[in-house]
């Protein structure tokens, strides 16, 4: 499953991948990630939620 997750993260568009990498690989809070990415915490939160739903759906259907 970890390999599938890595593959799906690689398939994300660059801006989505950057949010996931900043939040989870660098272990930053949404506020910290927002500062690094030059956006508001609310934007990070909304985008992150959409990305995680997309990843979840893709993993459910992963072959």
C-alpha atoms as a PDB file:
ATOM      1  CA  UNK A   1       0.000   0.000   0.000  1.00  0.00           C
ATOM      2  CA  UNK A   2       2.904   2.360   0.720  1.00  0.00           C
ATOM      3  CA  UNK A   3       4.191   1.893  -2.820  1.00  0.00           C
ATOM      4  CA  UNK A   4       0.734   2.693  -4.171  1.00  0.00           C
ATOM      5  CA  UNK A   5       0.562   5.853  -2.048  1.00  0.00           C
ATOM      6  CA  UNK A   6       3.974   6.990  -3.248  1.00  0.00           C
ATOM      7  CA  UNK A   7       2.926   6.370  -6.853  1.00  0.00           C
ATOM      8  CA  UNK A   8      -0.279   8.380  -6.406  1.00  0.00           C
ATOM      9  CA  UNK A   9       1.601  11.268  -4.782  1.00  0.00           C
ATOM     10  CA  UNK A  10       3.987  11.311  -7.742  1.00  0.00           C
ATOM     11  CA  UNK A  11       0.998  11.612 -10.091  1.00  0.00           C
ATOM     12  CA  UNK A  12      -0.315  14.763  -8.375  1.00  0.00           C
ATOM     13  CA  UNK A  13       0.148  18.105 -10.083  1.00  0.00           C
ATOM     14  CA  UNK A  14       3.185  19.986  -8.779  1.00  0.00           C
ATOM     15  CA  UNK A  15       1.268  22.436  -6.575  1.00  0.00           C
ATOM     16  CA  UNK A  16      -0.723  19.639  -4.893  1.00  0.00           C
ATOM     17  CA  UNK A  17       2.403  17.554  -4.407  1.00  0.00           C
ATOM     18  CA  UNK A  18       4.124  20.546  -2.813  1.00  0.00           C
ATOM     19  CA  UNK A  19       1.330  20.905  -0.256  1.00  0.00           C
ATOM     20  CA  UNK A  20       1.457  17.205   0.676  1.00  0.00           C
ATOM     21  CA  UNK A  21       5.247  17.187   0.883  1.00  0.00           C
ATOM     22  CA  UNK A  22       5.293  20.344   3.002  1.00  0.00           C
ATOM     23  CA  UNK A  23       2.605  19.118   5.372  1.00  0.00           C
ATOM     24  CA  UNK A  24       3.576  15.473   5.754  1.00  0.00           C
ATOM     25  CA  UNK A  25       7.204  14.992   4.664  1.00  0.00           C
ATOM     26  CA  UNK A  26       8.394  18.166   6.411  1.00  0.00           C
ATOM     27  CA  UNK A  27       5.857  17.630   9.230  1.00  0.00           C
ATOM     28  CA  UNK A  28       4.685  21.252   9.261  1.00  0.00           C
ATOM     29  CA  UNK A  29       1.380  22.530  10.587  1.00  0.00           C
ATOM     30  CA  UNK A  30      -1.062  24.068   8.146  1.00  0.00           C
ATOM     31  CA  UNK A  31      -0.054  27.508   9.381  1.00  0.00           C
ATOM     32  CA  UNK A  32       3.659  26.772   8.924  1.00  0.00           C
ATOM     33  CA  UNK A  33       3.044  25.227   5.493  1.00  0.00           C
ATOM     34  CA  UNK A  34       0.997  28.260   4.472  1.00  0.00           C
ATOM     35  CA  UNK A  35       3.858  30.544   5.376  1.00  0.00           C
ATOM     36  CA  UNK A  36       6.349  28.452   3.393  1.00  0.00           C
ATOM     37  CA  UNK A  37       3.997  28.180   0.402  1.00  0.00           C
ATOM     38  CA  UNK A  38       2.936  31.821   0.424  1.00  0.00           C
ATOM     39  CA  UNK A  39      -0.763  31.233   0.983  1.00  0.00           C
ATOM     40  CA  UNK A  40      -3.232  31.415   3.830  1.00  0.00           C
ATOM     41  CA  UNK A  41      -3.831  28.597   6.309  1.00  0.00           C
ATOM     42  CA  UNK A  42      -7.420  28.379   5.047  1.00  0.00           C
ATOM     43  CA  UNK A  43      -6.197  27.839   1.474  1.00  0.00           C
ATOM     44  CA  UNK A  44      -3.824  25.106   2.619  1.00  0.00           C
ATOM     45  CA  UNK A  45      -6.622  23.454   4.593  1.00  0.00           C
ATOM     46  CA  UNK A  46      -9.091  23.489   1.702  1.00  0.00           C
ATOM     47  CA  UNK A  47      -6.572  22.299  -0.866  1.00  0.00           C
ATOM     48  CA  UNK A  48      -5.199  19.620   1.457  1.00  0.00           C
ATOM     49  CA  UNK A  49      -8.685  18.249   2.083  1.00  0.00           C
ATOM     50  CA  UNK A  50      -9.367  17.983  -1.670  1.00  0.00           C
ATOM     51  CA  UNK A  51      -5.989  16.358  -2.304  1.00  0.00           C
ATOM     52  CA  UNK A  52      -6.490  13.784   0.459  1.00  0.00           C
ATOM     53  CA  UNK A  53      -9.934  12.858  -0.894  1.00  0.00           C
ATOM     54  CA  UNK A  54      -8.404  12.478  -4.360  1.00  0.00           C
ATOM     55  CA  UNK A  55      -5.590  10.283  -3.012  1.00  0.00           C
ATOM     56  CA  UNK A  56      -8.041   8.157  -1.028  1.00  0.00           C
ATOM     57  CA  UNK A  57     -10.300   7.633  -4.046  1.00  0.00           C
ATOM     58  CA  UNK A  58      -7.336   6.759  -6.256  1.00  0.00           C
ATOM     59  CA  UNK A  59      -6.005   4.281  -3.698  1.00  0.00           C
ATOM     60  CA  UNK A  60      -9.390   2.567  -3.366  1.00  0.00           C
ATOM     61  CA  UNK A  61      -9.347   2.038  -7.131  1.00  0.00           C
ATOM     62  CA  UNK A  62      -5.600   1.279  -7.337  1.00  0.00           C
ATOM     63  CA  UNK A  63      -4.695  -1.824  -9.301  1.00  0.00           C
END
